[in-house]
């Protein structure tokens, strides 16, 4: 029941109520990446990227790296090197 009630609290209060000895230090927004990923899929970009990468020296999973770089530029514009952080 306590877990059910804590979902109505702000993140810091929820953590304090549910975990003794733990301290809330920061949070990161995730909604933007989910929206961009859904748009990426709906437009068929990922499927097309995987098709283009097939048979090359790059693995098909490189499509996820390309998505991460695009999402980084869209959500928090920075360099490719900064995206690795």
N, C-alpha and C. Protein backbone atom coordinates (compact mmCIF):
# COMPACT_ATOMS: atom_id res chain seq x y z
N UNK A 1 0.82 -1.19 0.00
CA UNK A 1 0.00 0.00 0.00
C UNK A 1 0.87 1.26 0.00
N UNK A 2 1.97 1.21 0.73
CA UNK A 2 2.86 2.37 0.78
C UNK A 2 3.42 2.69 -0.60
N UNK A 3 3.77 1.66 -1.36
CA UNK A 3 4.28 1.89 -2.71
C UNK A 3 3.23 2.55 -3.59
N UNK A 4 1.98 2.19 -3.39
CA UNK A 4 0.90 2.77 -4.17
C UNK A 4 0.72 4.25 -3.85
N UNK A 5 0.86 4.61 -2.59
CA UNK A 5 0.69 5.99 -2.16
C UNK A 5 1.86 6.86 -2.62
N UNK A 6 3.07 6.30 -2.63
CA UNK A 6 4.25 7.11 -2.98
C UNK A 6 4.25 7.58 -4.42
N UNK A 7 3.46 6.97 -5.29
CA UNK A 7 3.43 7.43 -6.68
C UNK A 7 2.81 8.81 -6.83
N UNK A 8 2.11 9.28 -5.80
CA UNK A 8 1.50 10.62 -5.83
C UNK A 8 2.43 11.69 -5.25
N UNK A 9 3.59 11.29 -4.74
CA UNK A 9 4.54 12.22 -4.15
C UNK A 9 5.54 12.69 -5.19
N UNK A 10 6.19 13.82 -4.92
CA UNK A 10 7.26 14.24 -5.81
C UNK A 10 8.42 13.26 -5.63
N UNK A 11 9.36 13.17 -6.60
CA UNK A 11 10.40 12.13 -6.55
C UNK A 11 11.20 12.10 -5.25
N UNK A 12 11.58 13.25 -4.73
CA UNK A 12 12.36 13.28 -3.50
C UNK A 12 11.58 12.75 -2.31
N UNK A 13 10.33 13.15 -2.18
CA UNK A 13 9.50 12.68 -1.08
C UNK A 13 9.18 11.20 -1.22
N UNK A 14 8.98 10.74 -2.44
CA UNK A 14 8.68 9.33 -2.67
C UNK A 14 9.86 8.46 -2.27
N UNK A 15 11.07 8.88 -2.63
CA UNK A 15 12.25 8.12 -2.28
C UNK A 15 12.46 8.11 -0.78
N UNK A 16 12.26 9.26 -0.14
CA UNK A 16 12.42 9.33 1.30
C UNK A 16 11.41 8.45 2.02
N UNK A 17 10.21 8.35 1.48
CA UNK A 17 9.16 7.54 2.11
C UNK A 17 9.37 6.05 1.88
N UNK A 18 10.05 5.68 0.81
CA UNK A 18 10.13 4.26 0.48
C UNK A 18 11.49 3.63 0.76
N UNK A 19 12.53 4.41 0.96
CA UNK A 19 13.86 3.82 1.14
C UNK A 19 14.64 4.53 2.23
N UNK A 20 14.79 3.87 3.35
CA UNK A 20 15.58 4.44 4.44
C UNK A 20 17.06 4.41 4.07
N UNK A 21 17.74 5.48 4.35
CA UNK A 21 19.17 5.55 4.10
C UNK A 21 19.56 5.99 2.70
N UNK A 22 18.61 6.11 1.79
CA UNK A 22 18.91 6.57 0.44
C UNK A 22 18.55 8.04 0.31
N UNK A 23 19.29 8.74 -0.50
CA UNK A 23 19.06 10.16 -0.69
C UNK A 23 18.84 10.46 -2.17
N UNK A 24 17.81 11.22 -2.48
CA UNK A 24 17.54 11.62 -3.86
C UNK A 24 18.54 12.69 -4.25
N UNK A 25 19.29 12.44 -5.33
CA UNK A 25 20.31 13.40 -5.74
C UNK A 25 19.99 14.12 -7.05
N UNK A 26 19.39 13.41 -8.01
CA UNK A 26 19.06 14.04 -9.28
C UNK A 26 18.08 13.17 -10.06
N UNK A 27 17.51 13.74 -11.07
CA UNK A 27 16.68 12.97 -12.00
C UNK A 27 16.98 13.45 -13.41
N UNK A 28 16.64 12.62 -14.37
CA UNK A 28 16.88 12.97 -15.76
C UNK A 28 15.59 12.79 -16.54
N UNK A 29 15.27 13.74 -17.39
CA UNK A 29 14.05 13.63 -18.19
C UNK A 29 14.19 12.51 -19.23
N UNK A 30 13.17 11.70 -19.37
CA UNK A 30 13.20 10.60 -20.33
C UNK A 30 12.12 10.73 -21.40
N UNK A 31 11.12 11.52 -21.16
CA UNK A 31 10.00 11.60 -22.08
C UNK A 31 10.37 12.02 -23.48
N UNK A 32 11.30 12.94 -23.62
CA UNK A 32 11.70 13.42 -24.93
C UNK A 32 12.31 12.32 -25.79
N UNK A 33 13.14 11.49 -25.19
CA UNK A 33 13.76 10.39 -25.93
C UNK A 33 12.71 9.38 -26.37
N UNK A 34 11.73 9.10 -25.52
CA UNK A 34 10.66 8.16 -25.88
C UNK A 34 9.83 8.70 -27.06
N UNK A 35 9.52 9.98 -27.02
CA UNK A 35 8.75 10.59 -28.11
C UNK A 35 9.55 10.53 -29.41
N UNK A 36 10.83 10.90 -29.34
CA UNK A 36 11.66 10.85 -30.55
C UNK A 36 11.81 9.43 -31.07
N UNK A 37 11.93 8.46 -30.17
CA UNK A 37 12.06 7.07 -30.60
C UNK A 37 10.78 6.59 -31.29
N UNK A 38 9.63 6.99 -30.77
CA UNK A 38 8.35 6.64 -31.40
C UNK A 38 8.24 7.29 -32.78
N UNK A 39 8.66 8.55 -32.88
CA UNK A 39 8.64 9.24 -34.17
C UNK A 39 9.60 8.59 -35.16
N UNK A 40 10.78 8.22 -34.68
CA UNK A 40 11.80 7.54 -35.48
C UNK A 40 11.22 6.24 -36.06
N UNK A 41 10.51 5.49 -35.21
CA UNK A 41 9.91 4.22 -35.65
C UNK A 41 8.74 4.47 -36.60
N UNK A 42 7.90 5.44 -36.28
CA UNK A 42 6.72 5.71 -37.10
C UNK A 42 7.10 6.18 -38.51
N UNK A 43 8.17 6.94 -38.60
CA UNK A 43 8.64 7.40 -39.91
C UNK A 43 9.44 6.33 -40.65
N UNK A 44 9.75 5.24 -39.97
CA UNK A 44 10.48 4.14 -40.60
C UNK A 44 11.96 4.38 -40.75
N UNK A 45 12.48 5.34 -40.02
CA UNK A 45 13.89 5.68 -40.16
C UNK A 45 14.78 4.53 -39.67
N UNK A 46 14.43 3.96 -38.53
CA UNK A 46 15.23 2.86 -37.98
C UNK A 46 15.26 1.66 -38.91
N UNK A 47 14.13 1.30 -39.45
CA UNK A 47 14.04 0.16 -40.38
C UNK A 47 14.90 0.41 -41.61
N UNK A 48 14.81 1.62 -42.14
CA UNK A 48 15.59 1.96 -43.33
C UNK A 48 17.08 1.99 -43.02
N UNK A 49 17.46 2.51 -41.87
CA UNK A 49 18.87 2.54 -41.47
C UNK A 49 19.41 1.12 -41.34
N UNK A 50 18.64 0.23 -40.71
CA UNK A 50 19.08 -1.16 -40.57
C UNK A 50 19.23 -1.81 -41.94
N UNK A 51 18.32 -1.51 -42.87
CA UNK A 51 18.42 -2.04 -44.23
C UNK A 51 19.70 -1.56 -44.91
N UNK A 52 19.99 -0.27 -44.76
CA UNK A 52 21.18 0.30 -45.38
C UNK A 52 22.47 -0.22 -44.75
N UNK A 53 22.43 -0.52 -43.47
CA UNK A 53 23.63 -1.01 -42.77
C UNK A 53 23.88 -2.49 -43.01
N UNK A 54 22.86 -3.22 -43.45
CA UNK A 54 22.99 -4.66 -43.69
C UNK A 54 24.03 -4.91 -44.78
N UNK A 55 24.91 -5.86 -44.54
CA UNK A 55 25.92 -6.21 -45.53
C UNK A 55 27.12 -5.28 -45.55
N UNK A 56 27.18 -4.35 -44.64
CA UNK A 56 28.34 -3.45 -44.55
C UNK A 56 29.18 -3.86 -43.35
N UNK A 57 30.27 -3.18 -43.18
CA UNK A 57 31.14 -3.49 -42.04
C UNK A 57 30.51 -3.07 -40.72
N UNK A 58 29.49 -2.26 -40.77
CA UNK A 58 28.79 -1.82 -39.55
C UNK A 58 27.73 -2.84 -39.17
N UNK A 59 27.57 -3.02 -37.90
CA UNK A 59 26.52 -3.90 -37.39
C UNK A 59 25.18 -3.20 -37.50
N UNK A 60 24.10 -3.96 -37.65
CA UNK A 60 22.77 -3.36 -37.73
C UNK A 60 22.41 -2.58 -36.48
N UNK A 61 23.01 -2.94 -35.33
CA UNK A 61 22.71 -2.23 -34.09
C UNK A 61 23.28 -0.80 -34.10
N UNK A 62 24.08 -0.48 -35.09
CA UNK A 62 24.59 0.90 -35.23
C UNK A 62 23.45 1.88 -35.41
N UNK A 63 22.29 1.38 -35.85
CA UNK A 63 21.11 2.24 -35.98
C UNK A 63 20.75 2.89 -34.66
N UNK A 64 20.92 2.17 -33.55
CA UNK A 64 20.62 2.73 -32.23
C UNK A 64 21.62 3.83 -31.87
N UNK A 65 22.84 3.69 -32.30
CA UNK A 65 23.85 4.73 -32.07
C UNK A 65 23.48 5.97 -32.86
N UNK A 66 23.06 5.79 -34.10
CA UNK A 66 22.64 6.92 -34.92
C UNK A 66 21.43 7.62 -34.29
N UNK A 67 20.48 6.82 -33.78
CA UNK A 67 19.34 7.42 -33.10
C UNK A 67 19.79 8.23 -31.88
N UNK A 68 20.70 7.67 -31.11
CA UNK A 68 21.19 8.37 -29.91
C UNK A 68 21.82 9.71 -30.27
N UNK A 69 22.58 9.75 -31.36
CA UNK A 69 23.21 11.01 -31.79
C UNK A 69 22.16 12.03 -32.23
N UNK A 70 21.15 11.56 -32.95
CA UNK A 70 20.07 12.46 -33.39
C UNK A 70 19.29 12.97 -32.19
N UNK A 71 18.95 12.07 -31.27
CA UNK A 71 18.21 12.46 -30.08
C UNK A 71 19.01 13.45 -29.24
N UNK A 72 20.31 13.23 -29.13
CA UNK A 72 21.16 14.15 -28.37
C UNK A 72 21.10 15.55 -28.98
N UNK A 73 21.19 15.63 -30.30
CA UNK A 73 21.14 16.93 -30.97
C UNK A 73 19.79 17.59 -30.80
N UNK A 74 18.72 16.79 -30.80
CA UNK A 74 17.38 17.35 -30.70
C UNK A 74 17.04 17.80 -29.28
N UNK A 75 17.50 17.05 -28.29
CA UNK A 75 17.10 17.32 -26.90
C UNK A 75 18.08 18.20 -26.14
N UNK A 76 19.36 18.01 -26.37
CA UNK A 76 20.38 18.78 -25.65
C UNK A 76 21.55 18.97 -26.60
N UNK A 77 21.45 19.91 -27.53
CA UNK A 77 22.46 20.05 -28.57
C UNK A 77 23.88 20.16 -27.99
N UNK A 78 24.72 19.25 -28.47
CA UNK A 78 26.12 19.25 -28.08
C UNK A 78 26.89 18.45 -29.14
N UNK A 79 28.16 18.32 -28.95
CA UNK A 79 29.00 17.62 -29.92
C UNK A 79 28.80 16.11 -29.84
N UNK A 80 29.35 15.40 -30.83
CA UNK A 80 29.30 13.94 -30.82
C UNK A 80 30.09 13.41 -29.62
N UNK A 81 31.20 14.05 -29.31
CA UNK A 81 32.01 13.62 -28.17
C UNK A 81 31.23 13.79 -26.87
N UNK A 82 30.52 14.91 -26.72
CA UNK A 82 29.72 15.15 -25.52
C UNK A 82 28.58 14.15 -25.40
N UNK A 83 28.07 13.67 -26.54
CA UNK A 83 26.98 12.70 -26.53
C UNK A 83 27.40 11.40 -25.89
N UNK A 84 28.67 11.06 -25.98
CA UNK A 84 29.17 9.82 -25.38
C UNK A 84 29.09 9.85 -23.85
N UNK A 85 29.09 11.03 -23.27
CA UNK A 85 28.97 11.13 -21.82
C UNK A 85 27.57 10.81 -21.42
